[in-house]
Amino acid sequence: MAMNDLPDPSEDDVVPVPVMPPALEEREVVLVTGISGSGKSVALHALEDAGYFCVDNLPPELLRDFIRVERGHGVRRMAIAVDVRSANSLPVLLPTLSALKAEGVRVRSVFLNSHTTALVKRFSETRRPHPLSKPLEGGDDPHRALVDAIELERNLLADLREQSTVLDTSELRPAQLRLWVRDLVGATSSRLTLVFQSFAFKHGVPLDADLVFDVRVLPNPFYLRELRPLTGQDAPVAAYLREQPEVLEMMSQIEAFVRRWLPAFEQDQRSYLTVAIGCTGGQHRSVFFVETLAQRFADQVATLKRHRELDARS
């Protein structure tokens, strides 16, 4: 019988073609959390601009069902903000994240943090109440009440912080935070990402640093008139610092230390390791160290660079 003579199949004869679910590794969820006033709304807007489907203040109990529903709608990249407003549900969050990872969902938890002084200033400027603030009575001190609420929040979120990549937003402008968040989620390597960050000690040590090195004992280009307006990214400053034997010695020692312990941090299943290098002004020595170390490690591990003080000026 010719092919054209074949009878038309009936509906009962048609075998439906199974629709294969998308590969598990295609699903990506960024959990944005942290201390109130530390910039979660800014981070969420940055992720939305980067193509993520974003939801704010989702109760943790709904997290798995929400991801399942949105996956059915074809959404592959989601960013979800969860914070202390869901305080009663926080105990279920970490087990839920573990279950999602076991199912093949790529979950990145980014915890935004700031020191208390910066948070108090932000709440005072916006005149918004802290979510854990209690109604004030006649003799209550508003400043003390706000500080107590912030410290209570830190305690409630302590376990989540330990499981997250921490970003210190104390000295960051919104534009910096948006850039740093996009850099974090843009690191595609499944292995640990190594972050080198320069900073000025006069503005405080970054709260998100895992390792901190102090290079203030080294010769300072600031005291050379022709180098003062430049930075550690400029060739004359780099050339000057490379001529100093103690600079080369400390660089070698820091590099050796990080190389020695990097495998251990990878085995600890960390997503990010932040190495902070500080000098007096965060302009010359620390910047030069970050630029050099990031270049030396780039062929071994996914590497990011941050310059807290320089980025603040741009």
C-alpha atoms as a PDB file:
ATOM      1  CA  MET A   1       0.000   0.000   0.000  1.00  0.00           C
ATOM      2  CA  ALA A   2       1.301   3.368  -1.008  1.00  0.00           C
ATOM      3  CA  MET A   3       1.991   5.956   1.629  1.00  0.00           C
ATOM      4  CA  ASN A   4      -0.768   8.153   0.221  1.00  0.00           C
ATOM      5  CA  ASP A   5      -3.264   5.284   0.743  1.00  0.00           C
ATOM      6  CA  LEU A   6      -2.663   5.114   4.504  1.00  0.00           C
ATOM      7  CA  PRO A   7      -5.786   5.944   6.504  1.00  0.00           C
ATOM      8  CA  ASP A   8      -5.882   9.148   8.493  1.00  0.00           C
ATOM      9  CA  PRO A   9      -5.124   8.449  12.130  1.00  0.00           C
ATOM     10  CA  SER A  10      -7.994   8.825  14.547  1.00  0.00           C
ATOM     11  CA  GLU A  11      -7.640  10.839  17.748  1.00  0.00           C
ATOM     12  CA  ASP A  12      -7.270   7.580  19.673  1.00  0.00           C
ATOM     13  CA  ASP A  13      -4.330   6.564  17.470  1.00  0.00           C
ATOM     14  CA  VAL A  14      -2.349   9.750  18.039  1.00  0.00           C
ATOM     15  CA  VAL A  15       0.404   9.302  20.594  1.00  0.00           C
ATOM     16  CA  PRO A  16       1.156  12.588  22.357  1.00  0.00           C
ATOM     17  CA  VAL A  17       4.753  13.683  22.225  1.00  0.00           C
ATOM     18  CA  PRO A  18       6.007  14.110  25.795  1.00  0.00           C
ATOM     19  CA  VAL A  19       7.133  17.607  26.651  1.00  0.00           C
ATOM     20  CA  MET A  20      10.465  17.356  28.399  1.00  0.00           C
ATOM     21  CA  PRO A  21      10.949  19.702  31.323  1.00  0.00           C
ATOM     22  CA  PRO A  22      13.738  22.246  31.027  1.00  0.00           C
ATOM     23  CA  ALA A  23      17.117  21.176  32.335  1.00  0.00           C
ATOM     24  CA  LEU A  24      17.330  21.664  36.061  1.00  0.00           C
ATOM     25  CA  GLU A  25      20.503  23.654  35.796  1.00  0.00           C
ATOM     26  CA  GLU A  26      18.655  26.290  33.748  1.00  0.00           C
ATOM     27  CA  ARG A  27      16.679  27.369  36.776  1.00  0.00           C
ATOM     28  CA  GLU A  28      18.328  30.114  38.766  1.00  0.00           C
ATOM     29  CA  VAL A  29      17.050  31.845  41.878  1.00  0.00           C
ATOM     30  CA  VAL A  30      18.739  34.788  43.567  1.00  0.00           C
ATOM     31  CA  LEU A  31      17.552  35.278  47.127  1.00  0.00           C
ATOM     32  CA  VAL A  32      18.009  38.899  48.210  1.00  0.00           C
ATOM     33  CA  THR A  33      17.973  39.307  51.955  1.00  0.00           C
ATOM     34  CA  GLY A  34      19.680  41.268  54.709  1.00  0.00           C
ATOM     35  CA  ILE A  35      19.255  44.033  57.238  1.00  0.00           C
ATOM     36  CA  SER A  36      16.425  46.540  56.728  1.00  0.00           C
ATOM     37  CA  GLY A  37      17.752  49.754  55.207  1.00  0.00           C
ATOM     38  CA  SER A  38      20.777  48.076  53.630  1.00  0.00           C
ATOM     39  CA  GLY A  39      19.569  48.416  50.032  1.00  0.00           C
ATOM     40  CA  LYS A  40      17.431  45.389  49.171  1.00  0.00           C
ATOM     41  CA  SER A  41      15.082  47.438  46.993  1.00  0.00           C
ATOM     42  CA  VAL A  42      18.045  48.836  45.035  1.00  0.00           C
ATOM     43  CA  ALA A  43      19.453  45.323  44.564  1.00  0.00           C
ATOM     44  CA  LEU A  44      16.115  43.958  43.434  1.00  0.00           C
ATOM     45  CA  HIS A  45      15.713  46.753  40.877  1.00  0.00           C
ATOM     46  CA  ALA A  46      19.218  46.014  39.547  1.00  0.00           C
ATOM     47  CA  LEU A  47      18.305  42.375  39.057  1.00  0.00           C
ATOM     48  CA  GLU A  48      15.046  43.317  37.379  1.00  0.00           C
ATOM     49  CA  ASP A  49      17.006  45.478  34.929  1.00  0.00           C
ATOM     50  CA  ALA A  50      19.291  42.484  34.321  1.00  0.00           C
ATOM     51  CA  GLY A  51      16.342  40.344  33.203  1.00  0.00           C
ATOM     52  CA  TYR A  52      15.299  38.605  36.409  1.00  0.00           C
ATOM     53  CA  PHE A  53      11.650  38.145  37.351  1.00  0.00           C
ATOM     54  CA  CYS A  54      11.536  39.839  40.768  1.00  0.00           C
ATOM     55  CA  VAL A  55       9.232  39.485  43.771  1.00  0.00           C
ATOM     56  CA  ASP A  56       9.535  41.370  47.044  1.00  0.00           C
ATOM     57  CA  ASN A  57       8.681  40.033  50.511  1.00  0.00           C
ATOM     58  CA  LEU A  58       7.610  36.539  49.495  1.00  0.00           C
ATOM     59  CA  PRO A  59       6.731  34.365  52.542  1.00  0.00           C
ATOM     60  CA  PRO A  60       9.273  31.523  52.731  1.00  0.00           C
ATOM     61  CA  GLU A  61       6.489  28.904  52.874  1.00  0.00           C
ATOM     62  CA  LEU A  62       5.504  29.871  49.325  1.00  0.00           C
ATOM     63  CA  LEU A  63       9.000  29.804  47.858  1.00  0.00           C
ATOM     64  CA  ARG A  64       8.973  26.297  46.353  1.00  0.00           C
ATOM     65  CA  ASP A  65       5.441  26.590  44.972  1.00  0.00           C
ATOM     66  CA  PHE A  66       6.221  29.998  43.484  1.00  0.00           C
ATOM     67  CA  ILE A  67       9.322  28.696  41.711  1.00  0.00           C
ATOM     68  CA  ARG A  68       7.362  25.705  40.399  1.00  0.00           C
ATOM     69  CA  VAL A  69       4.553  27.901  39.049  1.00  0.00           C
ATOM     70  CA  GLU A  70       6.885  30.422  37.415  1.00  0.00           C
ATOM     71  CA  ARG A  71       8.942  27.650  35.883  1.00  0.00           C
ATOM     72  CA  GLY A  72       5.747  26.445  34.228  1.00  0.00           C
ATOM     73  CA  HIS A  73       5.366  29.930  32.781  1.00  0.00           C
ATOM     74  CA  GLY A  74       8.805  29.706  31.223  1.00  0.00           C
ATOM     75  CA  VAL A  75      10.629  31.856  33.786  1.00  0.00           C
ATOM     76  CA  ARG A  76      14.231  30.716  34.248  1.00  0.00           C
ATOM     77  CA  ARG A  77      15.794  33.531  36.285  1.00  0.00           C
ATOM     78  CA  MET A  78      14.068  34.734  39.434  1.00  0.00           C
ATOM     79  CA  ALA A  79      15.078  37.135  42.186  1.00  0.00           C
ATOM     80  CA  ILE A  80      13.152  36.981  45.445  1.00  0.00           C
ATOM     81  CA  ALA A  81      13.502  39.306  48.406  1.00  0.00           C
ATOM     82  CA  VAL A  82      12.917  37.777  51.826  1.00  0.00           C
ATOM     83  CA  ASP A  83      13.574  39.649  55.041  1.00  0.00           C
ATOM     84  CA  VAL A  84      12.566  40.076  58.653  1.00  0.00           C
ATOM     85  CA  ARG A  85       9.050  41.140  57.677  1.00  0.00           C
ATOM     86  CA  SER A  86       8.477  37.369  57.442  1.00  0.00           C
ATOM     87  CA  ALA A  87      10.073  36.809  60.851  1.00  0.00           C
ATOM     88  CA  ASN A  88       7.648  34.072  61.924  1.00  0.00           C
ATOM     89  CA  SER A  89       8.458  32.079  58.786  1.00  0.00           C
ATOM     90  CA  LEU A  90      12.249  32.433  58.837  1.00  0.00           C
ATOM     91  CA  PRO A  91      12.855  29.025  60.513  1.00  0.00           C
ATOM     92  CA  VAL A  92      11.558  27.245  57.379  1.00  0.00           C
ATOM     93  CA  LEU A  93      13.711  29.254  54.961  1.00  0.00           C
ATOM     94  CA  LEU A  94      17.057  27.455  55.286  1.00  0.00           C
ATOM     95  CA  PRO A  95      15.522  23.944  55.008  1.00  0.00           C
ATOM     96  CA  THR A  96      13.600  25.154  51.946  1.00  0.00           C
ATOM     97  CA  LEU A  97      16.790  26.443  50.314  1.00  0.00           C
ATOM     98  CA  SER A  98      18.510  23.105  50.971  1.00  0.00           C
ATOM     99  CA  ALA A  99      15.588  21.240  49.403  1.00  0.00           C
ATOM    100  CA  LEU A 100      15.662  23.469  46.322  1.00  0.00           C
ATOM    101  CA  LYS A 101      19.375  22.890  45.829  1.00  0.00           C
ATOM    102  CA  ALA A 102      18.818  19.134  46.168  1.00  0.00           C
ATOM    103  CA  GLU A 103      16.222  19.382  43.383  1.00  0.00           C
ATOM    104  CA  GLY A 104      18.771  21.000  41.069  1.00  0.00           C
ATOM    105  CA  VAL A 105      17.731  24.619  41.465  1.00  0.00           C
ATOM    106  CA  ARG A 106      20.690  26.980  41.423  1.00  0.00           C
ATOM    107  CA  VAL A 107      20.120  29.199  44.465  1.00  0.00           C
ATOM    108  CA  ARG A 108      22.328  32.177  45.305  1.00  0.00           C
ATOM    109  CA  SER A 109      21.661  33.971  48.556  1.00  0.00           C
ATOM    110  CA  VAL A 110      22.937  37.562  48.725  1.00  0.00           C
ATOM    111  CA  PHE A 111      22.853  39.155  52.180  1.00  0.00           C
ATOM    112  CA  LEU A 112      23.064  42.958  52.326  1.00  0.00           C
ATOM    113  CA  ASN A 113      24.572  44.345  55.505  1.00  0.00           C
ATOM    114  CA  SER A 114      25.487  47.772  56.891  1.00  0.00           C
ATOM    115  CA  HIS A 115      26.914  49.017  60.161  1.00  0.00           C
ATOM    116  CA  THR A 116      24.418  50.379  62.647  1.00  0.00           C
ATOM    117  CA  THR A 117      25.471  54.026  62.317  1.00  0.00           C
ATOM    118  CA  ALA A 118      24.729  54.002  58.581  1.00  0.00           C
ATOM    119  CA  LEU A 119      21.373  52.301  59.130  1.00  0.00           C
ATOM    120  CA  VAL A 120      20.290  54.784  61.791  1.00  0.00           C
ATOM    121  CA  LYS A 121      21.163  57.643  59.455  1.00  0.00           C
ATOM    122  CA  ARG A 122      19.171  56.126  56.595  1.00  0.00           C
ATOM    123  CA  PHE A 123      16.076  55.536  58.712  1.00  0.00           C
ATOM    124  CA  SER A 124      16.329  59.064  60.067  1.00  0.00           C
ATOM    125  CA  GLU A 125      16.581  60.545  56.567  1.00  0.00           C
ATOM    126  CA  THR A 126      13.667  58.569  55.137  1.00  0.00           C
ATOM    127  CA  ARG A 127      11.557  58.794  58.327  1.00  0.00           C
ATOM    128  CA  ARG A 128      10.372  55.239  57.727  1.00  0.00           C
ATOM    129  CA  PRO A 129       9.854  52.965  60.735  1.00  0.00           C
ATOM    130  CA  HIS A 130      11.956  49.858  61.187  1.00  0.00           C
ATOM    131  CA  PRO A 131       9.807  46.731  60.631  1.00  0.00           C
ATOM    132  CA  LEU A 132      10.607  45.523  64.160  1.00  0.00           C
ATOM    133  CA  SER A 133      10.037  48.890  65.838  1.00  0.00           C
ATOM    134  CA  LYS A 134       7.531  48.981  68.659  1.00  0.00           C
ATOM    135  CA  PRO A 135       5.189  51.907  69.349  1.00  0.00           C
ATOM    136  CA  LEU A 136       7.020  54.488  71.453  1.00  0.00           C
ATOM    137  CA  GLU A 137       5.720  55.533  74.822  1.00  0.00           C
ATOM    138  CA  GLY A 138       6.226  58.886  76.488  1.00  0.00           C
ATOM    139  CA  GLY A 139       9.677  58.297  77.976  1.00  0.00           C
ATOM    140  CA  ASP A 140      11.153  56.121  75.240  1.00  0.00           C
ATOM    141  CA  ASP A 141      14.305  57.185  73.385  1.00  0.00           C
ATOM    142  CA  PRO A 142      13.624  56.861  69.606  1.00  0.00           C
ATOM    143  CA  HIS A 143      17.331  56.418  68.812  1.00  0.00           C
ATOM    144  CA  ARG A 144      17.762  53.661  71.374  1.00  0.00           C
ATOM    145  CA  ALA A 145      14.593  51.935  70.198  1.00  0.00           C
ATOM    146  CA  LEU A 146      15.834  51.943  66.590  1.00  0.00           C
ATOM    147  CA  VAL A 147      19.236  50.557  67.558  1.00  0.00           C
ATOM    148  CA  ASP A 148      17.562  47.796  69.588  1.00  0.00           C
ATOM    149  CA  ALA A 149      15.364  46.885  66.617  1.00  0.00           C
ATOM    150  CA  ILE A 150      18.407  46.671  64.325  1.00  0.00           C
ATOM    151  CA  GLU A 151      20.287  44.438  66.750  1.00  0.00           C
ATOM    152  CA  LEU A 152      17.240  42.179  67.142  1.00  0.00           C
ATOM    153  CA  GLU A 153      17.071  41.888  63.374  1.00  0.00           C
ATOM    154  CA  ARG A 154      20.757  40.936  63.191  1.00  0.00           C
ATOM    155  CA  ASN A 155      20.120  38.108  65.653  1.00  0.00           C
ATOM    156  CA  LEU A 156      17.075  36.829  63.774  1.00  0.00           C
ATOM    157  CA  LEU A 157      18.958  36.745  60.463  1.00  0.00           C
ATOM    158  CA  ALA A 158      22.300  35.444  61.794  1.00  0.00           C
ATOM    159  CA  ASP A 159      21.880  31.881  60.490  1.00  0.00           C
ATOM    160  CA  LEU A 160      20.803  33.101  57.049  1.00  0.00           C
ATOM    161  CA  ARG A 161      23.795  35.433  56.921  1.00  0.00           C
ATOM    162  CA  GLU A 162      26.145  32.502  57.501  1.00  0.00           C
ATOM    163  CA  GLN A 163      24.730  30.744  54.425  1.00  0.00           C
ATOM    164  CA  SER A 164      24.903  33.772  52.148  1.00  0.00           C
ATOM    165  CA  THR A 165      27.299  35.948  50.208  1.00  0.00           C
ATOM    166  CA  VAL A 166      27.520  39.169  52.226  1.00  0.00           C
ATOM    167  CA  LEU A 167      27.719  42.633  50.681  1.00  0.00           C
ATOM    168  CA  ASP A 168      28.602  45.548  52.958  1.00  0.00           C
ATOM    169  CA  THR A 169      26.617  48.555  51.736  1.00  0.00           C
ATOM    170  CA  SER A 170      27.648  50.943  54.533  1.00  0.00           C
ATOM    171  CA  GLU A 171      29.736  53.159  52.252  1.00  0.00           C
ATOM    172  CA  LEU A 172      28.062  52.377  48.924  1.00  0.00           C
ATOM    173  CA  ARG A 173      26.012  54.674  46.756  1.00  0.00           C
ATOM    174  CA  PRO A 174      23.004  53.079  45.000  1.00  0.00           C
ATOM    175  CA  ALA A 175      24.865  53.066  41.670  1.00  0.00           C
ATOM    176  CA  GLN A 176      27.749  51.124  43.235  1.00  0.00           C
ATOM    177  CA  LEU A 177      25.391  48.595  44.803  1.00  0.00           C
ATOM    178  CA  ARG A 178      23.609  48.004  41.510  1.00  0.00           C
ATOM    179  CA  LEU A 179      26.953  47.386  39.799  1.00  0.00           C
ATOM    180  CA  TRP A 180      28.249  45.024  42.502  1.00  0.00           C
ATOM    181  CA  VAL A 181      25.029  42.998  42.547  1.00  0.00           C
ATOM    182  CA  ARG A 182      25.115  42.576  38.783  1.00  0.00           C
ATOM    183  CA  ASP A 183      28.762  41.483  39.006  1.00  0.00           C
ATOM    184  CA  LEU A 184      27.935  38.882  41.651  1.00  0.00           C
ATOM    185  CA  VAL A 185      25.088  37.232  39.795  1.00  0.00           C
ATOM    186  CA  GLY A 186      27.011  37.535  36.528  1.00  0.00           C
ATOM    187  CA  ALA A 187      29.774  35.213  37.763  1.00  0.00           C
ATOM    188  CA  THR A 188      28.796  32.056  35.894  1.00  0.00           C
ATOM    189  CA  SER A 189      31.369  29.645  37.264  1.00  0.00           C
ATOM    190  CA  SER A 190      29.950  26.857  39.424  1.00  0.00           C
ATOM    191  CA  ARG A 191      33.107  26.975  41.487  1.00  0.00           C
ATOM    192  CA  LEU A 192      34.071  29.531  44.075  1.00  0.00           C
ATOM    193  CA  THR A 193      34.383  33.143  42.892  1.00  0.00           C
ATOM    194  CA  LEU A 194      37.326  35.080  44.319  1.00  0.00           C
ATOM    195  CA  VAL A 195      36.603  38.744  45.050  1.00  0.00           C
ATOM    196  CA  PHE A 196      39.462  41.205  45.615  1.00  0.00           C
ATOM    197  CA  GLN A 197      38.388  44.499  47.168  1.00  0.00           C
ATOM    198  CA  SER A 198      40.384  47.617  47.988  1.00  0.00           C
ATOM    199  CA  PHE A 199      39.303  49.962  50.770  1.00  0.00           C
ATOM    200  CA  ALA A 200      40.421  52.790  53.041  1.00  0.00           C
ATOM    201  CA  PHE A 201      40.857  51.992  56.710  1.00  0.00           C
ATOM    202  CA  LYS A 202      39.741  55.522  57.578  1.00  0.00           C
ATOM    203  CA  HIS A 203      36.274  54.573  56.294  1.00  0.00           C
ATOM    204  CA  GLY A 204      36.160  51.238  58.100  1.00  0.00           C
ATOM    205  CA  VAL A 205      36.842  47.597  57.267  1.00  0.00           C
ATOM    206  CA  PRO A 206      34.256  46.071  54.873  1.00  0.00           C
ATOM    207  CA  LEU A 207      31.757  43.915  56.748  1.00  0.00           C
ATOM    208  CA  ASP A 208      31.688  41.403  53.895  1.00  0.00           C
ATOM    209  CA  ALA A 209      35.425  40.636  53.989  1.00  0.00           C
ATOM    210  CA  ASP A 210      36.513  37.047  54.621  1.00  0.00           C
ATOM    211  CA  LEU A 211      40.230  37.880  54.678  1.00  0.00           C
ATOM    212  CA  VAL A 212      41.694  41.324  55.450  1.00  0.00           C
ATOM    213  CA  PHE A 213      45.241  42.444  54.697  1.00  0.00           C
ATOM    214  CA  ASP A 214      46.719  45.759  55.847  1.00  0.00           C
ATOM    215  CA  VAL A 215      49.249  47.348  53.463  1.00  0.00           C
ATOM    216  CA  ARG A 216      49.566  50.686  55.280  1.00  0.00           C
ATOM    217  CA  VAL A 217      53.129  49.815  56.358  1.00  0.00           C
ATOM    218  CA  LEU A 218      54.311  50.017  52.737  1.00  0.00           C
ATOM    219  CA  PRO A 219      55.694  53.133  50.984  1.00  0.00           C
ATOM    220  CA  ASN A 220      52.865  55.506  50.127  1.00  0.00           C
ATOM    221  CA  PRO A 221      52.733  57.144  46.656  1.00  0.00           C
ATOM    222  CA  PHE A 222      50.484  59.813  48.156  1.00  0.00           C
ATOM    223  CA  TYR A 223      53.581  61.617  49.445  1.00  0.00           C
ATOM    224  CA  LEU A 224      55.004  62.014  45.948  1.00  0.00           C
ATOM    225  CA  ARG A 225      53.511  65.129  44.364  1.00  0.00           C
ATOM    226  CA  GLU A 226      53.385  63.721  40.839  1.00  0.00           C
ATOM    227  CA  LEU A 227      51.667  60.497  42.004  1.00  0.00           C
ATOM    228  CA  ARG A 228      49.222  61.956  44.523  1.00  0.00           C
ATOM    229  CA  PRO A 229      46.356  62.643  42.073  1.00  0.00           C
ATOM    230  CA  LEU A 230      46.741  59.219  40.414  1.00  0.00           C
ATOM    231  CA  THR A 231      45.527  55.798  41.556  1.00  0.00           C
ATOM    232  CA  GLY A 232      46.896  52.290  41.765  1.00  0.00           C
ATOM    233  CA  GLN A 233      45.367  51.647  38.347  1.00  0.00           C
ATOM    234  CA  ASP A 234      47.746  54.149  36.722  1.00  0.00           C
ATOM    235  CA  ALA A 235      51.047  52.988  35.249  1.00  0.00           C
ATOM    236  CA  PRO A 236      53.304  55.508  37.107  1.00  0.00           C
ATOM    237  CA  VAL A 237      51.937  54.415  40.502  1.00  0.00           C
ATOM    238  CA  ALA A 238      52.254  50.750  39.591  1.00  0.00           C
ATOM    239  CA  ALA A 239      55.832  51.277  38.392  1.00  0.00           C
ATOM    240  CA  TYR A 240      56.771  53.071  41.602  1.00  0.00           C
ATOM    241  CA  LEU A 241      55.312  50.347  43.829  1.00  0.00           C
ATOM    242  CA  ARG A 242      56.967  47.560  41.833  1.00  0.00           C
ATOM    243  CA  GLU A 243      60.328  49.190  42.573  1.00  0.00           C
ATOM    244  CA  GLN A 244      59.804  48.776  46.345  1.00  0.00           C
ATOM    245  CA  PRO A 245      61.197  45.438  47.613  1.00  0.00           C
ATOM    246  CA  GLU A 246      58.820  45.314  50.590  1.00  0.00           C
ATOM    247  CA  VAL A 247      55.828  45.755  48.267  1.00  0.00           C
ATOM    248  CA  LEU A 248      56.906  42.783  46.185  1.00  0.00           C
ATOM    249  CA  GLU A 249      57.557  40.732  49.309  1.00  0.00           C
ATOM    250  CA  MET A 250      54.128  41.405  50.808  1.00  0.00           C
ATOM    251  CA  MET A 251      52.440  40.797  47.449  1.00  0.00           C
ATOM    252  CA  SER A 252      54.162  37.429  47.190  1.00  0.00           C
ATOM    253  CA  GLN A 253      53.185  36.479  50.738  1.00  0.00           C
ATOM    254  CA  ILE A 254      49.518  37.413  50.291  1.00  0.00           C
ATOM    255  CA  GLU A 255      49.381  35.540  46.995  1.00  0.00           C
ATOM    256  CA  ALA A 256      50.970  32.458  48.562  1.00  0.00           C
ATOM    257  CA  PHE A 257      48.550  32.544  51.498  1.00  0.00           C
ATOM    258  CA  VAL A 258      45.482  32.769  49.268  1.00  0.00           C
ATOM    259  CA  ARG A 259      46.766  30.025  46.948  1.00  0.00           C
ATOM    260  CA  ARG A 260      47.502  27.775  49.925  1.00  0.00           C
ATOM    261  CA  TRP A 261      44.010  28.041  51.409  1.00  0.00           C
ATOM    262  CA  LEU A 262      41.853  28.541  48.308  1.00  0.00           C
ATOM    263  CA  PRO A 263      41.241  24.783  47.835  1.00  0.00           C
ATOM    264  CA  ALA A 264      40.047  24.537  51.430  1.00  0.00           C
ATOM    265  CA  PHE A 265      37.546  27.345  50.902  1.00  0.00           C
ATOM    266  CA  GLU A 266      36.350  25.602  47.718  1.00  0.00           C
ATOM    267  CA  GLN A 267      35.886  22.326  49.593  1.00  0.00           C
ATOM    268  CA  ASP A 268      33.868  24.243  52.170  1.00  0.00           C
ATOM    269  CA  GLN A 269      31.369  24.782  49.303  1.00  0.00           C
ATOM    270  CA  ARG A 270      31.590  28.552  49.424  1.00  0.00           C
ATOM    271  CA  SER A 271      30.261  30.530  46.494  1.00  0.00           C
ATOM    272  CA  TYR A 272      32.430  33.597  47.099  1.00  0.00           C
ATOM    273  CA  LEU A 273      35.600  34.442  49.006  1.00  0.00           C
ATOM    274  CA  THR A 274      36.220  38.152  49.556  1.00  0.00           C
ATOM    275  CA  VAL A 275      39.829  39.241  50.103  1.00  0.00           C
ATOM    276  CA  ALA A 276      39.938  42.869  51.277  1.00  0.00           C
ATOM    277  CA  ILE A 277      43.164  44.881  50.976  1.00  0.00           C
ATOM    278  CA  GLY A 278      43.261  48.143  52.886  1.00  0.00           C
ATOM    279  CA  CYS A 279      45.481  51.202  52.941  1.00  0.00           C
ATOM    280  CA  THR A 280      45.014  54.694  54.348  1.00  0.00           C
ATOM    281  CA  GLY A 281      42.974  56.310  51.568  1.00  0.00           C
ATOM    282  CA  GLY A 282      42.011  53.357  49.362  1.00  0.00           C
ATOM    283  CA  GLN A 283      43.534  55.050  46.330  1.00  0.00           C
ATOM    284  CA  HIS A 284      47.071  53.840  45.662  1.00  0.00           C
ATOM    285  CA  ARG A 285      48.534  50.812  47.451  1.00  0.00           C
ATOM    286  CA  SER A 286      45.389  48.761  48.064  1.00  0.00           C
ATOM    287  CA  VAL A 287      44.165  49.424  44.514  1.00  0.00           C
ATOM    288  CA  PHE A 288      47.496  48.293  43.057  1.00  0.00           C
ATOM    289  CA  PHE A 289      47.382  45.092  45.144  1.00  0.00           C
ATOM    290  CA  VAL A 290      43.838  44.280  44.036  1.00  0.00           C
ATOM    291  CA  GLU A 291      44.619  44.891  40.368  1.00  0.00           C
ATOM    292  CA  THR A 292      47.750  42.723  40.525  1.00  0.00           C
ATOM    293  CA  LEU A 293      46.289  39.862  42.546  1.00  0.00           C
ATOM    294  CA  ALA A 294      43.125  39.683  40.446  1.00  0.00           C
ATOM    295  CA  GLN A 295      45.280  39.367  37.330  1.00  0.00           C
ATOM    296  CA  ARG A 296      47.432  36.632  38.876  1.00  0.00           C
ATOM    297  CA  PHE A 297      44.430  34.523  39.931  1.00  0.00           C
ATOM    298  CA  ALA A 298      42.286  35.079  36.828  1.00  0.00           C
ATOM    299  CA  ASP A 299      43.510  31.923  35.083  1.00  0.00           C
ATOM    300  CA  GLN A 300      42.818  29.747  38.145  1.00  0.00           C
ATOM    301  CA  VAL A 301      39.402  30.819  39.402  1.00  0.00           C
ATOM    302  CA  ALA A 302      36.536  33.177  38.536  1.00  0.00           C
ATOM    303  CA  THR A 303      37.703  36.558  39.810  1.00  0.00           C
ATOM    304  CA  LEU A 304      36.018  39.892  40.516  1.00  0.00           C
ATOM    305  CA  LYS A 305      37.555  43.278  41.401  1.00  0.00           C
ATOM    306  CA  ARG A 306      36.071  46.012  43.567  1.00  0.00           C
ATOM    307  CA  HIS A 307      37.486  49.383  44.582  1.00  0.00           C
ATOM    308  CA  ARG A 308      35.215  50.742  47.279  1.00  0.00           C
ATOM    309  CA  GLU A 309      36.616  54.274  47.458  1.00  0.00           C
ATOM    310  CA  LEU A 310      37.330  54.659  43.737  1.00  0.00           C
ATOM    311  CA  ASP A 311      33.898  53.326  42.768  1.00  0.00           C
ATOM    312  CA  ALA A 312      32.303  55.847  45.111  1.00  0.00           C
ATOM    313  CA  ARG A 313      33.812  58.677  43.062  1.00  0.00           C
ATOM    314  CA  SER A 314      32.663  57.397  39.674  1.00  0.00           C
END
